[in-house]
Amino acid sequence: QVQLVESGGGSVQPGDSLTLSCVGSGFRFGHYIMFWYRQVPGKGREFVAEITSLDGTRYADSVNGRFVISRDIDRKTMFLQMNNLKPDDTAVYYCRAYVDIQTYWGQGTQVTVSE
């Protein structure tokens, strides 16, 4: 059974940094593409970043140069390091894995950026 559990969200000020974590279980961590998405109330989930099985990465234009996606296979954990946070980054952040043609989501972690 595939499970994804995010953590690390919180309330920060503009310009601060925050690192989110996503622990995966029930699948061969590192063998599948994984993603970070985010969602604000009233809108659909927005792609943030992805990391492939070959460690290729891709970012949304809105976070490119500020966010870094990475993973530790031994710890079965994916990270999203978020730097120079802006109020527009405020959202619930979700971890997603695409495993054997099925998509799995975590429960989300709230990130709030405000003065």
C-alpha atoms as a PDB file:
ATOM      1  CA  GLN A   1       0.000   0.000   0.000  1.00  0.00           C
ATOM      2  CA  VAL A   2       1.520   3.259  -1.151  1.00  0.00           C
ATOM      3  CA  GLN A   3       1.568   6.005   1.452  1.00  0.00           C
ATOM      4  CA  LEU A   4       2.946   9.518   1.319  1.00  0.00           C
ATOM      5  CA  VAL A   5       3.273  11.705   4.399  1.00  0.00           C
ATOM      6  CA  GLU A   6       4.271  15.352   4.179  1.00  0.00           C
ATOM      7  CA  SER A   7       5.653  17.489   6.981  1.00  0.00           C
ATOM      8  CA  GLY A   8       7.561  20.707   7.538  1.00  0.00           C
ATOM      9  CA  GLY A   9       4.939  23.310   6.782  1.00  0.00           C
ATOM     10  CA  GLY A  10       4.464  26.382   8.916  1.00  0.00           C
ATOM     11  CA  SER A  11       4.091  30.139   9.076  1.00  0.00           C
ATOM     12  CA  VAL A  12       7.027  32.252   7.940  1.00  0.00           C
ATOM     13  CA  GLN A  13       7.771  35.785   6.823  1.00  0.00           C
ATOM     14  CA  PRO A  14       8.591  36.893   3.274  1.00  0.00           C
ATOM     15  CA  GLY A  15      12.185  36.137   2.426  1.00  0.00           C
ATOM     16  CA  ASP A  16      12.417  33.219   4.833  1.00  0.00           C
ATOM     17  CA  SER A  17      13.235  29.632   3.930  1.00  0.00           C
ATOM     18  CA  LEU A  18      11.406  26.409   4.716  1.00  0.00           C
ATOM     19  CA  THR A  19      12.017  22.762   3.847  1.00  0.00           C
ATOM     20  CA  LEU A  20       9.181  20.322   3.302  1.00  0.00           C
ATOM     21  CA  SER A  21       9.568  16.552   3.559  1.00  0.00           C
ATOM     22  CA  CYS A  22       7.596  13.692   2.061  1.00  0.00           C
ATOM     23  CA  VAL A  23       8.171  10.187   3.388  1.00  0.00           C
ATOM     24  CA  GLY A  24       7.101   7.413   1.045  1.00  0.00           C
ATOM     25  CA  SER A  25       6.308   3.772   1.775  1.00  0.00           C
ATOM     26  CA  GLY A  26       4.823   0.802  -0.033  1.00  0.00           C
ATOM     27  CA  PHE A  27       6.832   1.237  -3.229  1.00  0.00           C
ATOM     28  CA  ARG A  28      10.452   1.208  -4.430  1.00  0.00           C
ATOM     29  CA  PHE A  29      11.342   4.753  -3.491  1.00  0.00           C
ATOM     30  CA  GLY A  30      13.562   6.331  -6.129  1.00  0.00           C
ATOM     31  CA  HIS A  31      12.273   4.177  -8.976  1.00  0.00           C
ATOM     32  CA  TYR A  32       9.352   6.429  -9.810  1.00  0.00           C
ATOM     33  CA  ILE A  33       8.814  10.050 -10.670  1.00  0.00           C
ATOM     34  CA  MET A  34       7.618  12.176  -7.759  1.00  0.00           C
ATOM     35  CA  PHE A  35       6.215  15.671  -7.560  1.00  0.00           C
ATOM     36  CA  TRP A  36       5.327  18.595  -5.349  1.00  0.00           C
ATOM     37  CA  TYR A  37       2.064  20.399  -6.003  1.00  0.00           C
ATOM     38  CA  ARG A  38       0.315  23.207  -4.143  1.00  0.00           C
ATOM     39  CA  GLN A  39      -3.245  24.403  -3.811  1.00  0.00           C
ATOM     40  CA  VAL A  40      -4.941  27.538  -2.566  1.00  0.00           C
ATOM     41  CA  PRO A  41      -8.644  27.691  -1.669  1.00  0.00           C
ATOM     42  CA  GLY A  42     -10.882  27.886  -4.716  1.00  0.00           C
ATOM     43  CA  LYS A  43      -8.223  26.800  -7.192  1.00  0.00           C
ATOM     44  CA  GLY A  44      -6.946  23.524  -8.573  1.00  0.00           C
ATOM     45  CA  ARG A  45      -3.665  21.941  -7.604  1.00  0.00           C
ATOM     46  CA  GLU A  46      -0.696  23.638  -9.220  1.00  0.00           C
ATOM     47  CA  PHE A  47       2.495  21.867 -10.302  1.00  0.00           C
ATOM     48  CA  VAL A  48       5.544  23.040  -8.351  1.00  0.00           C
ATOM     49  CA  ALA A  49       8.407  20.632  -9.052  1.00  0.00           C
ATOM     50  CA  GLU A  50       9.249  17.091 -10.094  1.00  0.00           C
ATOM     51  CA  ILE A  51      12.125  14.672  -9.727  1.00  0.00           C
ATOM     52  CA  THR A  52      12.493  11.665 -12.004  1.00  0.00           C
ATOM     53  CA  SER A  53      13.947   8.240 -11.367  1.00  0.00           C
ATOM     54  CA  LEU A  54      17.152   9.493 -12.993  1.00  0.00           C
ATOM     55  CA  ASP A  55      17.209  12.559 -10.713  1.00  0.00           C
ATOM     56  CA  GLY A  56      16.144  14.897 -13.454  1.00  0.00           C
ATOM     57  CA  THR A  57      14.309  17.920 -12.090  1.00  0.00           C
ATOM     58  CA  ARG A  58      11.815  20.431 -13.434  1.00  0.00           C
ATOM     59  CA  TYR A  59      10.201  23.455 -11.824  1.00  0.00           C
ATOM     60  CA  ALA A  60       7.274  25.746 -12.332  1.00  0.00           C
ATOM     61  CA  ASP A  61       8.365  29.141 -13.614  1.00  0.00           C
ATOM     62  CA  SER A  62       7.010  30.771 -10.458  1.00  0.00           C
ATOM     63  CA  VAL A  63       9.457  28.901  -8.201  1.00  0.00           C
ATOM     64  CA  ASN A  64      12.415  28.264 -10.518  1.00  0.00           C
ATOM     65  CA  GLY A  65      15.590  29.579  -8.918  1.00  0.00           C
ATOM     66  CA  ARG A  66      14.043  29.710  -5.432  1.00  0.00           C
ATOM     67  CA  PHE A  67      12.931  26.120  -4.752  1.00  0.00           C
ATOM     68  CA  VAL A  68      15.027  22.949  -4.890  1.00  0.00           C
ATOM     69  CA  ILE A  69      13.600  19.433  -5.073  1.00  0.00           C
ATOM     70  CA  SER A  70      15.707  16.514  -3.912  1.00  0.00           C
ATOM     71  CA  ARG A  71      15.417  13.108  -2.315  1.00  0.00           C
ATOM     72  CA  ASP A  72      17.231  10.717  -0.023  1.00  0.00           C
ATOM     73  CA  ILE A  73      16.546   7.186  -1.193  1.00  0.00           C
ATOM     74  CA  ASP A  74      17.929   5.565   1.938  1.00  0.00           C
ATOM     75  CA  ARG A  75      15.537   7.607   4.066  1.00  0.00           C
ATOM     76  CA  LYS A  76      12.709   7.213   1.517  1.00  0.00           C
ATOM     77  CA  THR A  77      12.177  10.934   1.739  1.00  0.00           C
ATOM     78  CA  MET A  78      11.672  13.642  -0.853  1.00  0.00           C
ATOM     79  CA  PHE A  79      12.367  17.276   0.031  1.00  0.00           C
ATOM     80  CA  LEU A  80      11.364  20.676  -1.193  1.00  0.00           C
ATOM     81  CA  GLN A  81      13.727  23.407  -0.055  1.00  0.00           C
ATOM     82  CA  MET A  82      11.938  26.721  -0.429  1.00  0.00           C
ATOM     83  CA  ASN A  83      13.992  29.903  -0.337  1.00  0.00           C
ATOM     84  CA  ASN A  84      13.062  33.570  -0.550  1.00  0.00           C
ATOM     85  CA  LEU A  85       9.439  32.746   0.149  1.00  0.00           C
ATOM     86  CA  LYS A  86       6.764  35.146  -1.042  1.00  0.00           C
ATOM     87  CA  PRO A  87       3.158  35.657   0.075  1.00  0.00           C
ATOM     88  CA  ASP A  88       2.052  34.088  -3.232  1.00  0.00           C
ATOM     89  CA  ASP A  89       3.709  30.853  -2.090  1.00  0.00           C
ATOM     90  CA  THR A  90       1.045  30.485   0.588  1.00  0.00           C
ATOM     91  CA  ALA A  91      -0.775  27.205  -0.070  1.00  0.00           C
ATOM     92  CA  VAL A  92      -1.244  23.628   1.006  1.00  0.00           C
ATOM     93  CA  TYR A  93       1.668  21.663  -0.428  1.00  0.00           C
ATOM     94  CA  TYR A  94       1.122  18.079  -1.572  1.00  0.00           C
ATOM     95  CA  CYS A  95       3.488  15.288  -2.406  1.00  0.00           C
ATOM     96  CA  ARG A  96       2.532  13.114  -5.389  1.00  0.00           C
ATOM     97  CA  ALA A  97       3.946   9.837  -6.688  1.00  0.00           C
ATOM     98  CA  TYR A  98       3.207   8.122  -9.997  1.00  0.00           C
ATOM     99  CA  VAL A  99       3.635   4.414  -9.288  1.00  0.00           C
ATOM    100  CA  ASP A 100       2.722   1.676 -11.771  1.00  0.00           C
ATOM    101  CA  ILE A 101       0.358   3.980 -13.738  1.00  0.00           C
ATOM    102  CA  GLN A 102      -1.440   5.096 -10.588  1.00  0.00           C
ATOM    103  CA  THR A 103      -1.219   8.450  -8.867  1.00  0.00           C
ATOM    104  CA  TYR A 104      -0.947   8.768  -5.126  1.00  0.00           C
ATOM    105  CA  TRP A 105      -1.175  11.895  -2.985  1.00  0.00           C
ATOM    106  CA  GLY A 106      -0.186  12.796   0.521  1.00  0.00           C
ATOM    107  CA  GLN A 107      -2.471  14.624   2.914  1.00  0.00           C
ATOM    108  CA  GLY A 108      -0.767  17.996   2.457  1.00  0.00           C
ATOM    109  CA  THR A 109       1.051  20.463   4.665  1.00  0.00           C
ATOM    110  CA  GLN A 110       0.154  24.140   5.031  1.00  0.00           C
ATOM    111  CA  VAL A 111       2.675  26.859   4.220  1.00  0.00           C
ATOM    112  CA  THR A 112       1.744  30.433   5.095  1.00  0.00           C
ATOM    113  CA  VAL A 113       3.937  33.381   4.131  1.00  0.00           C
ATOM    114  CA  SER A 114       2.941  36.712   5.635  1.00  0.00           C
ATOM    115  CA  GLU A 115       4.343  39.729   7.481  1.00  0.00           C
END
